[in-house]
Amino acid sequence: MVEMLTVQNHIRSIIYFEGIAEAELSHITDHSLLRAFSAGEMIFLEGEPADGLWIVESGHIKIFKLNPDGGEHILHLRGPGKSFNDIAALDGGSNPANATVLSPEAQVWLVPSEVITAVLMRDAQVALNVIRLLAVRVRSLVGQIEDLALYSVVVRLARFLLKQAEDPSLSGPGVTRMAIAAHINTTPQTISNVLRSLEDAGAIQFDRHRIMIVNESILRSIALW
Protein backbone atom coordinates (compact mmCIF):
# COMPACT_ATOMS: atom_id res chain seq x y z
CA MET A 1 0.00 0.00 0.00
CA VAL A 2 2.83 2.43 0.83
CA GLU A 3 4.45 1.72 -2.54
CA MET A 4 1.20 2.40 -4.39
CA LEU A 5 0.72 5.68 -2.54
CA THR A 6 4.28 6.65 -3.48
CA VAL A 7 3.82 6.04 -7.19
CA GLN A 8 0.46 7.84 -7.05
CA ASN A 9 2.16 10.89 -5.57
CA HIS A 10 4.83 10.86 -8.27
CA ILE A 11 2.29 10.34 -11.04
CA ARG A 12 0.19 13.25 -9.80
CA SER A 13 3.31 15.48 -9.85
CA ILE A 14 4.01 14.78 -13.54
CA ILE A 15 2.45 17.13 -16.08
CA TYR A 16 1.13 14.11 -18.00
CA PHE A 17 -1.30 13.20 -15.26
CA GLU A 18 -2.45 16.54 -13.85
CA GLY A 19 -6.19 16.37 -13.26
CA ILE A 20 -6.37 12.63 -13.89
CA ALA A 21 -9.46 10.85 -12.60
CA GLU A 22 -8.98 8.69 -9.51
CA ALA A 23 -10.14 5.58 -11.36
CA GLU A 24 -7.50 6.11 -14.05
CA LEU A 25 -4.84 6.83 -11.43
CA SER A 26 -5.69 3.57 -9.68
CA HIS A 27 -5.51 1.72 -13.00
CA ILE A 28 -2.01 3.07 -13.64
CA THR A 29 -0.69 2.32 -10.16
CA ASP A 30 -2.18 -1.18 -10.16
CA HIS A 31 -0.20 -1.98 -13.31
CA SER A 32 3.07 -0.22 -12.45
CA LEU A 33 6.23 -2.03 -11.38
CA LEU A 34 8.90 -0.79 -8.96
CA ARG A 35 12.40 -1.77 -10.08
CA ALA A 36 15.64 -1.45 -8.07
CA PHE A 37 19.02 -0.78 -9.71
CA SER A 38 22.58 -0.28 -8.46
CA ALA A 39 25.24 2.21 -9.58
CA GLY A 40 26.20 1.81 -13.23
CA GLU A 41 23.47 -0.72 -13.92
CA MET A 42 21.76 -0.36 -17.28
CA ILE A 43 18.02 0.27 -17.21
CA PHE A 44 17.65 -0.06 -20.96
CA LEU A 45 19.73 0.10 -24.15
CA GLU A 46 19.26 2.22 -27.23
CA GLY A 47 17.45 0.33 -29.98
CA GLU A 48 15.71 -2.16 -27.70
CA PRO A 49 11.89 -2.27 -27.70
CA ALA A 50 10.57 0.22 -25.14
CA ASP A 51 8.85 -1.22 -22.08
CA GLY A 52 7.04 1.98 -21.10
CA LEU A 53 7.31 5.22 -19.16
CA TRP A 54 9.85 5.34 -16.32
CA ILE A 55 9.42 7.50 -13.20
CA VAL A 56 12.26 8.00 -10.71
CA GLU A 57 11.36 7.15 -7.12
CA SER A 58 14.87 7.69 -5.71
CA GLY A 59 18.39 8.15 -7.02
CA HIS A 60 19.62 9.69 -10.27
CA ILE A 61 19.50 8.42 -13.83
CA LYS A 62 21.40 9.52 -16.91
CA ILE A 63 19.99 9.24 -20.42
CA PHE A 64 22.85 9.16 -22.90
CA LYS A 65 24.11 8.27 -26.36
CA LEU A 66 27.52 7.03 -27.47
CA ASN A 67 29.44 8.31 -30.46
CA PRO A 68 31.30 5.89 -32.80
CA ASP A 69 34.47 6.32 -30.73
CA GLY A 70 32.70 5.39 -27.50
CA GLY A 71 32.44 8.95 -26.19
CA GLU A 72 29.40 9.63 -24.07
CA HIS A 73 26.98 12.54 -24.35
CA ILE A 74 24.39 12.83 -21.59
CA LEU A 75 21.10 14.06 -23.01
CA HIS A 76 19.19 14.25 -19.73
CA LEU A 77 19.70 13.88 -15.99
CA ARG A 78 16.64 12.64 -14.11
CA GLY A 79 16.06 12.64 -10.35
CA PRO A 80 13.17 11.83 -7.99
CA GLY A 81 9.73 12.55 -9.42
CA LYS A 82 11.00 12.95 -12.99
CA SER A 83 10.01 10.76 -15.94
CA PHE A 84 12.06 9.52 -18.89
CA ASN A 85 11.73 7.55 -22.14
CA ASP A 86 8.52 9.43 -22.79
CA ILE A 87 8.63 9.35 -26.59
CA ALA A 88 9.24 5.62 -26.89
CA ALA A 89 6.51 4.91 -24.34
CA LEU A 90 4.03 6.86 -26.45
CA ASP A 91 4.92 5.85 -30.00
CA GLY A 92 5.58 2.17 -29.29
CA GLY A 93 9.01 2.35 -30.90
CA SER A 94 12.45 1.47 -29.66
CA ASN A 95 14.44 3.26 -26.96
CA PRO A 96 16.05 6.35 -28.55
CA ALA A 97 18.99 6.36 -26.08
CA ASN A 98 20.56 4.42 -23.21
CA ALA A 99 19.68 4.81 -19.54
CA THR A 100 21.82 3.89 -16.56
CA VAL A 101 22.08 4.69 -12.86
CA LEU A 102 24.38 7.51 -11.71
CA SER A 103 23.78 7.31 -7.97
CA PRO A 104 24.84 4.44 -5.65
CA GLU A 105 21.37 2.97 -6.08
CA ALA A 106 18.02 3.92 -7.58
CA GLN A 107 14.40 2.85 -7.52
CA VAL A 108 12.36 3.50 -10.63
CA TRP A 109 8.71 2.89 -11.49
CA LEU A 110 7.82 1.40 -14.86
CA VAL A 111 4.39 2.23 -16.30
CA PRO A 112 3.90 -0.15 -19.27
CA SER A 113 3.24 1.43 -22.68
CA GLU A 114 -0.08 -0.34 -23.10
CA VAL A 115 -1.31 1.16 -19.82
CA ILE A 116 -0.36 4.68 -20.98
CA THR A 117 -2.09 4.11 -24.34
CA ALA A 118 -5.29 2.87 -22.70
CA VAL A 119 -5.48 5.92 -20.43
CA LEU A 120 -4.87 8.30 -23.36
CA MET A 121 -7.76 6.77 -25.26
CA ARG A 122 -10.14 7.27 -22.34
CA ASP A 123 -9.04 10.57 -20.79
CA ALA A 124 -8.93 13.73 -22.93
CA GLN A 125 -7.22 15.72 -20.15
CA VAL A 126 -4.30 13.29 -20.07
CA ALA A 127 -4.03 13.44 -23.87
CA LEU A 128 -3.87 17.25 -23.70
CA ASN A 129 -1.27 17.04 -20.94
CA VAL A 130 0.87 14.77 -23.12
CA ILE A 131 0.81 17.33 -25.94
CA ARG A 132 1.87 20.05 -23.48
CA LEU A 133 4.75 18.01 -22.04
CA LEU A 134 6.02 16.90 -25.43
CA ALA A 135 6.08 20.55 -26.47
CA VAL A 136 8.19 21.30 -23.37
CA ARG A 137 10.53 18.43 -24.28
CA VAL A 138 10.95 19.76 -27.83
CA ARG A 139 11.72 23.26 -26.56
CA SER A 140 14.28 21.80 -24.16
CA LEU A 141 16.02 19.85 -26.93
CA VAL A 142 16.08 22.93 -29.18
CA GLY A 143 17.66 24.84 -26.28
CA GLN A 144 20.31 22.15 -25.84
CA ILE A 145 21.18 22.20 -29.54
CA GLU A 146 21.37 26.00 -29.47
CA ASP A 147 23.66 25.95 -26.42
CA LEU A 148 26.02 23.41 -27.99
CA ALA A 149 26.12 25.14 -31.36
CA LEU A 150 26.23 28.79 -30.39
CA TYR A 151 27.66 29.24 -26.90
CA SER A 152 30.97 28.69 -25.15
CA VAL A 153 31.58 26.19 -22.36
CA VAL A 154 31.58 29.08 -19.88
CA VAL A 155 28.04 30.06 -20.91
CA ARG A 156 26.85 26.45 -21.01
CA LEU A 157 28.18 25.70 -17.52
CA ALA A 158 26.72 28.93 -16.09
CA ARG A 159 23.33 27.97 -17.53
CA PHE A 160 23.58 24.44 -16.14
CA LEU A 161 24.39 25.74 -12.64
CA LEU A 162 21.37 28.06 -12.75
CA LYS A 163 19.12 25.20 -13.85
CA GLN A 164 20.63 22.99 -11.15
CA ALA A 165 19.77 25.58 -8.48
CA GLU A 166 16.13 25.56 -9.63
CA ASP A 167 15.77 21.81 -10.12
CA PRO A 168 16.90 19.53 -7.24
CA SER A 169 16.78 16.51 -9.57
CA LEU A 170 19.95 17.86 -11.26
CA SER A 171 21.90 17.59 -7.99
CA GLY A 172 22.88 14.74 -5.72
CA PRO A 173 24.92 11.53 -5.72
CA GLY A 174 26.30 10.68 -9.12
CA VAL A 175 25.94 14.15 -10.60
CA THR A 176 29.70 14.62 -10.71
CA ARG A 177 31.85 16.98 -12.74
CA MET A 178 32.39 14.12 -15.16
CA ALA A 179 28.63 13.77 -15.62
CA ILE A 180 28.20 17.52 -16.04
CA ALA A 181 31.02 17.52 -18.61
CA ALA A 182 29.32 14.76 -20.59
CA HIS A 183 26.04 16.69 -20.43
CA ILE A 184 27.40 19.99 -21.76
CA ASN A 185 29.85 18.34 -24.19
CA THR A 186 33.23 19.14 -22.69
CA THR A 187 35.85 17.51 -20.45
CA PRO A 188 36.11 17.28 -16.64
CA GLN A 189 39.35 19.29 -16.77
CA THR A 190 37.62 22.07 -18.68
CA ILE A 191 34.80 22.03 -16.12
CA SER A 192 37.37 22.55 -13.33
CA ASN A 193 39.01 25.40 -15.23
CA VAL A 194 35.69 27.12 -15.93
CA LEU A 195 34.61 26.73 -12.30
CA ARG A 196 37.76 28.58 -11.26
CA SER A 197 36.98 31.38 -13.71
CA LEU A 198 33.41 31.63 -12.41
CA GLU A 199 34.76 31.80 -8.87
CA ASP A 200 37.26 34.51 -9.87
CA ALA A 201 34.33 36.45 -11.35
CA GLY A 202 32.55 36.32 -7.98
CA ALA A 203 29.64 34.20 -9.23
CA ILE A 204 30.28 30.96 -7.32
CA GLN A 205 32.36 29.26 -4.67
CA PHE A 206 33.32 25.61 -4.95
CA ASP A 207 35.36 22.81 -3.46
CA ARG A 208 35.70 19.11 -4.21
CA HIS A 209 32.20 18.31 -2.96
CA ARG A 210 29.89 21.18 -3.84
CA ILE A 211 29.33 24.29 -5.92
CA MET A 212 27.55 27.29 -4.38
CA ILE A 213 26.12 30.25 -6.26
CA VAL A 214 27.10 33.35 -4.29
CA ASN A 215 25.99 36.00 -6.78
CA GLU A 216 23.16 34.93 -9.08
CA SER A 217 23.16 38.23 -10.96
CA ILE A 218 26.77 37.78 -12.05
CA LEU A 219 26.13 34.16 -13.01
CA ARG A 220 23.07 35.15 -15.07
CA SER A 221 25.10 37.82 -16.81
CA ILE A 222 27.76 35.23 -17.72
CA ALA A 223 24.98 32.85 -18.86
CA LEU A 224 23.61 35.64 -21.13
CA TRP A 225 20.19 35.31 -19.46
C-alpha atoms as a PDB file:
ATOM      1  CA  MET A   1       0.000   0.000   0.000  1.00  0.00           C
ATOM      2  CA  VAL A   2       2.829   2.430   0.833  1.00  0.00           C
ATOM      3  CA  GLU A   3       4.451   1.722  -2.542  1.00  0.00           C
ATOM      4  CA  MET A   4       1.197   2.399  -4.390  1.00  0.00           C
ATOM      5  CA  LEU A   5       0.725   5.684  -2.542  1.00  0.00           C
ATOM      6  CA  THR A   6       4.276   6.647  -3.476  1.00  0.00           C
ATOM      7  CA  VAL A   7       3.821   6.039  -7.187  1.00  0.00           C
ATOM      8  CA  GLN A   8       0.465   7.836  -7.050  1.00  0.00           C
ATOM      9  CA  ASN A   9       2.156  10.895  -5.565  1.00  0.00           C
ATOM     10  CA  HIS A  10       4.831  10.861  -8.266  1.00  0.00           C
ATOM     11  CA  ILE A  11       2.291  10.335 -11.035  1.00  0.00           C
ATOM     12  CA  ARG A  12       0.191  13.253  -9.795  1.00  0.00           C
ATOM     13  CA  SER A  13       3.307  15.483  -9.853  1.00  0.00           C
ATOM     14  CA  ILE A  14       4.011  14.778 -13.535  1.00  0.00           C
ATOM     15  CA  ILE A  15       2.448  17.130 -16.078  1.00  0.00           C
ATOM     16  CA  TYR A  16       1.126  14.113 -18.004  1.00  0.00           C
ATOM     17  CA  PHE A  17      -1.298  13.200 -15.261  1.00  0.00           C
ATOM     18  CA  GLU A  18      -2.453  16.544 -13.855  1.00  0.00           C
ATOM     19  CA  GLY A  19      -6.191  16.371 -13.257  1.00  0.00           C
ATOM     20  CA  ILE A  20      -6.366  12.625 -13.886  1.00  0.00           C
ATOM     21  CA  ALA A  21      -9.462  10.846 -12.597  1.00  0.00           C
ATOM     22  CA  GLU A  22      -8.975   8.690  -9.511  1.00  0.00           C
ATOM     23  CA  ALA A  23     -10.140   5.583 -11.362  1.00  0.00           C
ATOM     24  CA  GLU A  24      -7.503   6.114 -14.053  1.00  0.00           C
ATOM     25  CA  LEU A  25      -4.842   6.826 -11.430  1.00  0.00           C
ATOM     26  CA  SER A  26      -5.685   3.565  -9.675  1.00  0.00           C
ATOM     27  CA  HIS A  27      -5.511   1.715 -13.001  1.00  0.00           C
ATOM     28  CA  ILE A  28      -2.008   3.074 -13.636  1.00  0.00           C
ATOM     29  CA  THR A  29      -0.695   2.315 -10.159  1.00  0.00           C
ATOM     30  CA  ASP A  30      -2.182  -1.180 -10.161  1.00  0.00           C
ATOM     31  CA  HIS A  31      -0.205  -1.985 -13.307  1.00  0.00           C
ATOM     32  CA  SER A  32       3.068  -0.217 -12.453  1.00  0.00           C
ATOM     33  CA  LEU A  33       6.229  -2.031 -11.379  1.00  0.00           C
ATOM     34  CA  LEU A  34       8.900  -0.787  -8.956  1.00  0.00           C
ATOM     35  CA  ARG A  35      12.404  -1.766 -10.078  1.00  0.00           C
ATOM     36  CA  ALA A  36      15.640  -1.448  -8.072  1.00  0.00           C
ATOM     37  CA  PHE A  37      19.018  -0.776  -9.707  1.00  0.00           C
ATOM     38  CA  SER A  38      22.579  -0.285  -8.457  1.00  0.00           C
ATOM     39  CA  ALA A  39      25.241   2.215  -9.582  1.00  0.00           C
ATOM     40  CA  GLY A  40      26.203   1.814 -13.225  1.00  0.00           C
ATOM     41  CA  GLU A  41      23.474  -0.721 -13.920  1.00  0.00           C
ATOM     42  CA  MET A  42      21.756  -0.365 -17.282  1.00  0.00           C
ATOM     43  CA  ILE A  43      18.020   0.272 -17.207  1.00  0.00           C
ATOM     44  CA  PHE A  44      17.653  -0.060 -20.962  1.00  0.00           C
ATOM     45  CA  LEU A  45      19.727   0.098 -24.149  1.00  0.00           C
ATOM     46  CA  GLU A  46      19.263   2.225 -27.225  1.00  0.00           C
ATOM     47  CA  GLY A  47      17.451   0.329 -29.978  1.00  0.00           C
ATOM     48  CA  GLU A  48      15.712  -2.163 -27.696  1.00  0.00           C
ATOM     49  CA  PRO A  49      11.892  -2.266 -27.701  1.00  0.00           C
ATOM     50  CA  ALA A  50      10.566   0.219 -25.143  1.00  0.00           C
ATOM     51  CA  ASP A  51       8.850  -1.216 -22.084  1.00  0.00           C
ATOM     52  CA  GLY A  52       7.038   1.978 -21.100  1.00  0.00           C
ATOM     53  CA  LEU A  53       7.315   5.218 -19.160  1.00  0.00           C
ATOM     54  CA  TRP A  54       9.851   5.338 -16.316  1.00  0.00           C
ATOM     55  CA  ILE A  55       9.424   7.501 -13.200  1.00  0.00           C
ATOM     56  CA  VAL A  56      12.257   7.995 -10.713  1.00  0.00           C
ATOM     57  CA  GLU A  57      11.359   7.149  -7.116  1.00  0.00           C
ATOM     58  CA  SER A  58      14.867   7.690  -5.707  1.00  0.00           C
ATOM     59  CA  GLY A  59      18.387   8.148  -7.023  1.00  0.00           C
ATOM     60  CA  HIS A  60      19.620   9.694 -10.266  1.00  0.00           C
ATOM     61  CA  ILE A  61      19.496   8.419 -13.826  1.00  0.00           C
ATOM     62  CA  LYS A  62      21.402   9.518 -16.911  1.00  0.00           C
ATOM     63  CA  ILE A  63      19.993   9.239 -20.416  1.00  0.00           C
ATOM     64  CA  PHE A  64      22.854   9.156 -22.900  1.00  0.00           C
ATOM     65  CA  LYS A  65      24.114   8.272 -26.360  1.00  0.00           C
ATOM     66  CA  LEU A  66      27.524   7.030 -27.473  1.00  0.00           C
ATOM     67  CA  ASN A  67      29.439   8.309 -30.465  1.00  0.00           C
ATOM     68  CA  PRO A  68      31.298   5.892 -32.802  1.00  0.00           C
ATOM     69  CA  ASP A  69      34.475   6.315 -30.728  1.00  0.00           C
ATOM     70  CA  GLY A  70      32.698   5.388 -27.504  1.00  0.00           C
ATOM     71  CA  GLY A  71      32.437   8.945 -26.195  1.00  0.00           C
ATOM     72  CA  GLU A  72      29.403   9.632 -24.069  1.00  0.00           C
ATOM     73  CA  HIS A  73      26.984  12.542 -24.352  1.00  0.00           C
ATOM     74  CA  ILE A  74      24.389  12.830 -21.587  1.00  0.00           C
ATOM     75  CA  LEU A  75      21.097  14.063 -23.007  1.00  0.00           C
ATOM     76  CA  HIS A  76      19.188  14.245 -19.727  1.00  0.00           C
ATOM     77  CA  LEU A  77      19.699  13.876 -15.989  1.00  0.00           C
ATOM     78  CA  ARG A  78      16.641  12.642 -14.115  1.00  0.00           C
ATOM     79  CA  GLY A  79      16.057  12.639 -10.352  1.00  0.00           C
ATOM     80  CA  PRO A  80      13.168  11.830  -7.986  1.00  0.00           C
ATOM     81  CA  GLY A  81       9.731  12.550  -9.415  1.00  0.00           C
ATOM     82  CA  LYS A  82      10.999  12.946 -12.992  1.00  0.00           C
ATOM     83  CA  SER A  83      10.012  10.764 -15.940  1.00  0.00           C
ATOM     84  CA  PHE A  84      12.063   9.515 -18.886  1.00  0.00           C
ATOM     85  CA  ASN A  85      11.730   7.555 -22.139  1.00  0.00           C
ATOM     86  CA  ASP A  86       8.517   9.434 -22.787  1.00  0.00           C
ATOM     87  CA  ILE A  87       8.627   9.347 -26.586  1.00  0.00           C
ATOM     88  CA  ALA A  88       9.236   5.620 -26.892  1.00  0.00           C
ATOM     89  CA  ALA A  89       6.506   4.910 -24.345  1.00  0.00           C
ATOM     90  CA  LEU A  90       4.027   6.856 -26.448  1.00  0.00           C
ATOM     91  CA  ASP A  91       4.924   5.845 -29.997  1.00  0.00           C
ATOM     92  CA  GLY A  92       5.582   2.171 -29.291  1.00  0.00           C
ATOM     93  CA  GLY A  93       9.012   2.355 -30.897  1.00  0.00           C
ATOM     94  CA  SER A  94      12.452   1.474 -29.657  1.00  0.00           C
ATOM     95  CA  ASN A  95      14.440   3.256 -26.960  1.00  0.00           C
ATOM     96  CA  PRO A  96      16.055   6.349 -28.549  1.00  0.00           C
ATOM     97  CA  ALA A  97      18.989   6.362 -26.083  1.00  0.00           C
ATOM     98  CA  ASN A  98      20.563   4.421 -23.213  1.00  0.00           C
ATOM     99  CA  ALA A  99      19.675   4.810 -19.536  1.00  0.00           C
ATOM    100  CA  THR A 100      21.820   3.894 -16.561  1.00  0.00           C
ATOM    101  CA  VAL A 101      22.082   4.690 -12.856  1.00  0.00           C
ATOM    102  CA  LEU A 102      24.382   7.506 -11.713  1.00  0.00           C
ATOM    103  CA  SER A 103      23.782   7.311  -7.965  1.00  0.00           C
ATOM    104  CA  PRO A 104      24.844   4.444  -5.648  1.00  0.00           C
ATOM    105  CA  GLU A 105      21.369   2.975  -6.083  1.00  0.00           C
ATOM    106  CA  ALA A 106      18.024   3.921  -7.576  1.00  0.00           C
ATOM    107  CA  GLN A 107      14.402   2.848  -7.523  1.00  0.00           C
ATOM    108  CA  VAL A 108      12.356   3.495 -10.634  1.00  0.00           C
ATOM    109  CA  TRP A 109       8.707   2.890 -11.486  1.00  0.00           C
ATOM    110  CA  LEU A 110       7.819   1.400 -14.864  1.00  0.00           C
ATOM    111  CA  VAL A 111       4.395   2.229 -16.297  1.00  0.00           C
ATOM    112  CA  PRO A 112       3.896  -0.152 -19.274  1.00  0.00           C
ATOM    113  CA  SER A 113       3.245   1.429 -22.684  1.00  0.00           C
ATOM    114  CA  GLU A 114      -0.084  -0.340 -23.098  1.00  0.00           C
ATOM    115  CA  VAL A 115      -1.311   1.159 -19.817  1.00  0.00           C
ATOM    116  CA  ILE A 116      -0.359   4.683 -20.975  1.00  0.00           C
ATOM    117  CA  THR A 117      -2.085   4.107 -24.339  1.00  0.00           C
ATOM    118  CA  ALA A 118      -5.290   2.872 -22.698  1.00  0.00           C
ATOM    119  CA  VAL A 119      -5.483   5.924 -20.433  1.00  0.00           C
ATOM    120  CA  LEU A 120      -4.869   8.297 -23.360  1.00  0.00           C
ATOM    121  CA  MET A 121      -7.762   6.768 -25.256  1.00  0.00           C
ATOM    122  CA  ARG A 122     -10.140   7.266 -22.344  1.00  0.00           C
ATOM    123  CA  ASP A 123      -9.037  10.570 -20.791  1.00  0.00           C
ATOM    124  CA  ALA A 124      -8.932  13.732 -22.932  1.00  0.00           C
ATOM    125  CA  GLN A 125      -7.220  15.717 -20.149  1.00  0.00           C
ATOM    126  CA  VAL A 126      -4.297  13.291 -20.068  1.00  0.00           C
ATOM    127  CA  ALA A 127      -4.035  13.444 -23.871  1.00  0.00           C
ATOM    128  CA  LEU A 128      -3.868  17.253 -23.704  1.00  0.00           C
ATOM    129  CA  ASN A 129      -1.270  17.042 -20.944  1.00  0.00           C
ATOM    130  CA  VAL A 130       0.871  14.769 -23.124  1.00  0.00           C
ATOM    131  CA  ILE A 131       0.808  17.326 -25.935  1.00  0.00           C
ATOM    132  CA  ARG A 132       1.874  20.048 -23.479  1.00  0.00           C
ATOM    133  CA  LEU A 133       4.750  18.013 -22.042  1.00  0.00           C
ATOM    134  CA  LEU A 134       6.017  16.898 -25.434  1.00  0.00           C
ATOM    135  CA  ALA A 135       6.079  20.555 -26.473  1.00  0.00           C
ATOM    136  CA  VAL A 136       8.189  21.304 -23.373  1.00  0.00           C
ATOM    137  CA  ARG A 137      10.535  18.434 -24.280  1.00  0.00           C
ATOM    138  CA  VAL A 138      10.952  19.757 -27.831  1.00  0.00           C
ATOM    139  CA  ARG A 139      11.721  23.261 -26.561  1.00  0.00           C
ATOM    140  CA  SER A 140      14.283  21.796 -24.164  1.00  0.00           C
ATOM    141  CA  LEU A 141      16.024  19.850 -26.933  1.00  0.00           C
ATOM    142  CA  VAL A 142      16.078  22.926 -29.179  1.00  0.00           C
ATOM    143  CA  GLY A 143      17.658  24.841 -26.282  1.00  0.00           C
ATOM    144  CA  GLN A 144      20.313  22.147 -25.842  1.00  0.00           C
ATOM    145  CA  ILE A 145      21.183  22.204 -29.541  1.00  0.00           C
ATOM    146  CA  GLU A 146      21.368  26.005 -29.467  1.00  0.00           C
ATOM    147  CA  ASP A 147      23.659  25.954 -26.424  1.00  0.00           C
ATOM    148  CA  LEU A 148      26.021  23.405 -27.993  1.00  0.00           C
ATOM    149  CA  ALA A 149      26.121  25.137 -31.363  1.00  0.00           C
ATOM    150  CA  LEU A 150      26.227  28.788 -30.391  1.00  0.00           C
ATOM    151  CA  TYR A 151      27.662  29.241 -26.897  1.00  0.00           C
ATOM    152  CA  SER A 152      30.972  28.687 -25.154  1.00  0.00           C
ATOM    153  CA  VAL A 153      31.581  26.187 -22.365  1.00  0.00           C
ATOM    154  CA  VAL A 154      31.579  29.080 -19.880  1.00  0.00           C
ATOM    155  CA  VAL A 155      28.044  30.064 -20.912  1.00  0.00           C
ATOM    156  CA  ARG A 156      26.854  26.445 -21.008  1.00  0.00           C
ATOM    157  CA  LEU A 157      28.180  25.702 -17.523  1.00  0.00           C
ATOM    158  CA  ALA A 158      26.723  28.927 -16.090  1.00  0.00           C
ATOM    159  CA  ARG A 159      23.326  27.970 -17.531  1.00  0.00           C
ATOM    160  CA  PHE A 160      23.580  24.442 -16.142  1.00  0.00           C
ATOM    161  CA  LEU A 161      24.387  25.739 -12.642  1.00  0.00           C
ATOM    162  CA  LEU A 162      21.370  28.058 -12.749  1.00  0.00           C
ATOM    163  CA  LYS A 163      19.118  25.200 -13.849  1.00  0.00           C
ATOM    164  CA  GLN A 164      20.628  22.986 -11.147  1.00  0.00           C
ATOM    165  CA  ALA A 165      19.765  25.576  -8.483  1.00  0.00           C
ATOM    166  CA  GLU A 166      16.132  25.564  -9.633  1.00  0.00           C
ATOM    167  CA  ASP A 167      15.766  21.809 -10.119  1.00  0.00           C
ATOM    168  CA  PRO A 168      16.898  19.526  -7.242  1.00  0.00           C
ATOM    169  CA  SER A 169      16.779  16.515  -9.567  1.00  0.00           C
ATOM    170  CA  LEU A 170      19.946  17.859 -11.259  1.00  0.00           C
ATOM    171  CA  SER A 171      21.899  17.594  -7.994  1.00  0.00           C
ATOM    172  CA  GLY A 172      22.879  14.745  -5.725  1.00  0.00           C
ATOM    173  CA  PRO A 173      24.922  11.531  -5.716  1.00  0.00           C
ATOM    174  CA  GLY A 174      26.304  10.683  -9.117  1.00  0.00           C
ATOM    175  CA  VAL A 175      25.943  14.154 -10.601  1.00  0.00           C
ATOM    176  CA  THR A 176      29.703  14.615 -10.714  1.00  0.00           C
ATOM    177  CA  ARG A 177      31.852  16.981 -12.742  1.00  0.00           C
ATOM    178  CA  MET A 178      32.389  14.116 -15.162  1.00  0.00           C
ATOM    179  CA  ALA A 179      28.626  13.768 -15.622  1.00  0.00           C
ATOM    180  CA  ILE A 180      28.203  17.518 -16.037  1.00  0.00           C
ATOM    181  CA  ALA A 181      31.016  17.517 -18.607  1.00  0.00           C
ATOM    182  CA  ALA A 182      29.317  14.757 -20.595  1.00  0.00           C
ATOM    183  CA  HIS A 183      26.044  16.686 -20.427  1.00  0.00           C
ATOM    184  CA  ILE A 184      27.397  19.992 -21.764  1.00  0.00           C
ATOM    185  CA  ASN A 185      29.845  18.338 -24.189  1.00  0.00           C
ATOM    186  CA  THR A 186      33.225  19.141 -22.686  1.00  0.00           C
ATOM    187  CA  THR A 187      35.855  17.511 -20.452  1.00  0.00           C
ATOM    188  CA  PRO A 188      36.115  17.278 -16.638  1.00  0.00           C
ATOM    189  CA  GLN A 189      39.353  19.291 -16.771  1.00  0.00           C
ATOM    190  CA  THR A 190      37.621  22.066 -18.680  1.00  0.00           C
ATOM    191  CA  ILE A 191      34.805  22.027 -16.115  1.00  0.00           C
ATOM    192  CA  SER A 192      37.372  22.547 -13.330  1.00  0.00           C
ATOM    193  CA  ASN A 193      39.009  25.399 -15.235  1.00  0.00           C
ATOM    194  CA  VAL A 194      35.691  27.123 -15.925  1.00  0.00           C
ATOM    195  CA  LEU A 195      34.606  26.733 -12.302  1.00  0.00           C
ATOM    196  CA  ARG A 196      37.757  28.581 -11.258  1.00  0.00           C
ATOM    197  CA  SER A 197      36.976  31.378 -13.711  1.00  0.00           C
ATOM    198  CA  LEU A 198      33.414  31.635 -12.406  1.00  0.00           C
ATOM    199  CA  GLU A 199      34.762  31.800  -8.866  1.00  0.00           C
ATOM    200  CA  ASP A 200      37.258  34.507  -9.867  1.00  0.00           C
ATOM    201  CA  ALA A 201      34.332  36.447 -11.350  1.00  0.00           C
ATOM    202  CA  GLY A 202      32.548  36.320  -7.977  1.00  0.00           C
ATOM    203  CA  ALA A 203      29.637  34.203  -9.232  1.00  0.00           C
ATOM    204  CA  ILE A 204      30.281  30.962  -7.318  1.00  0.00           C
ATOM    205  CA  GLN A 205      32.363  29.256  -4.673  1.00  0.00           C
ATOM    206  CA  PHE A 206      33.316  25.610  -4.950  1.00  0.00           C
ATOM    207  CA  ASP A 207      35.357  22.809  -3.464  1.00  0.00           C
ATOM    208  CA  ARG A 208      35.695  19.111  -4.206  1.00  0.00           C
ATOM    209  CA  HIS A 209      32.203  18.313  -2.964  1.00  0.00           C
ATOM    210  CA  ARG A 210      29.888  21.178  -3.835  1.00  0.00           C
ATOM    211  CA  ILE A 211      29.326  24.287  -5.924  1.00  0.00           C
ATOM    212  CA  MET A 212      27.550  27.287  -4.376  1.00  0.00           C
ATOM    213  CA  ILE A 213      26.122  30.247  -6.258  1.00  0.00           C
ATOM    214  CA  VAL A 214      27.099  33.354  -4.288  1.00  0.00           C
ATOM    215  CA  ASN A 215      25.990  36.000  -6.782  1.00  0.00           C
ATOM    216  CA  GLU A 216      23.161  34.930  -9.076  1.00  0.00           C
ATOM    217  CA  SER A 217      23.162  38.232 -10.964  1.00  0.00           C
ATOM    218  CA  ILE A 218      26.765  37.780 -12.045  1.00  0.00           C
ATOM    219  CA  LEU A 219      26.126  34.164 -13.010  1.00  0.00           C
ATOM    220  CA  ARG A 220      23.068  35.146 -15.069  1.00  0.00           C
ATOM    221  CA  SER A 221      25.105  37.821 -16.812  1.00  0.00           C
ATOM    222  CA  ILE A 222      27.755  35.227 -17.717  1.00  0.00           C
ATOM    223  CA  ALA A 223      24.979  32.853 -18.863  1.00  0.00           C
ATOM    224  CA  LEU A 224      23.611  35.635 -21.132  1.00  0.00           C
ATOM    225  CA  TRP A 225      20.194  35.311 -19.462  1.00  0.00           C
END
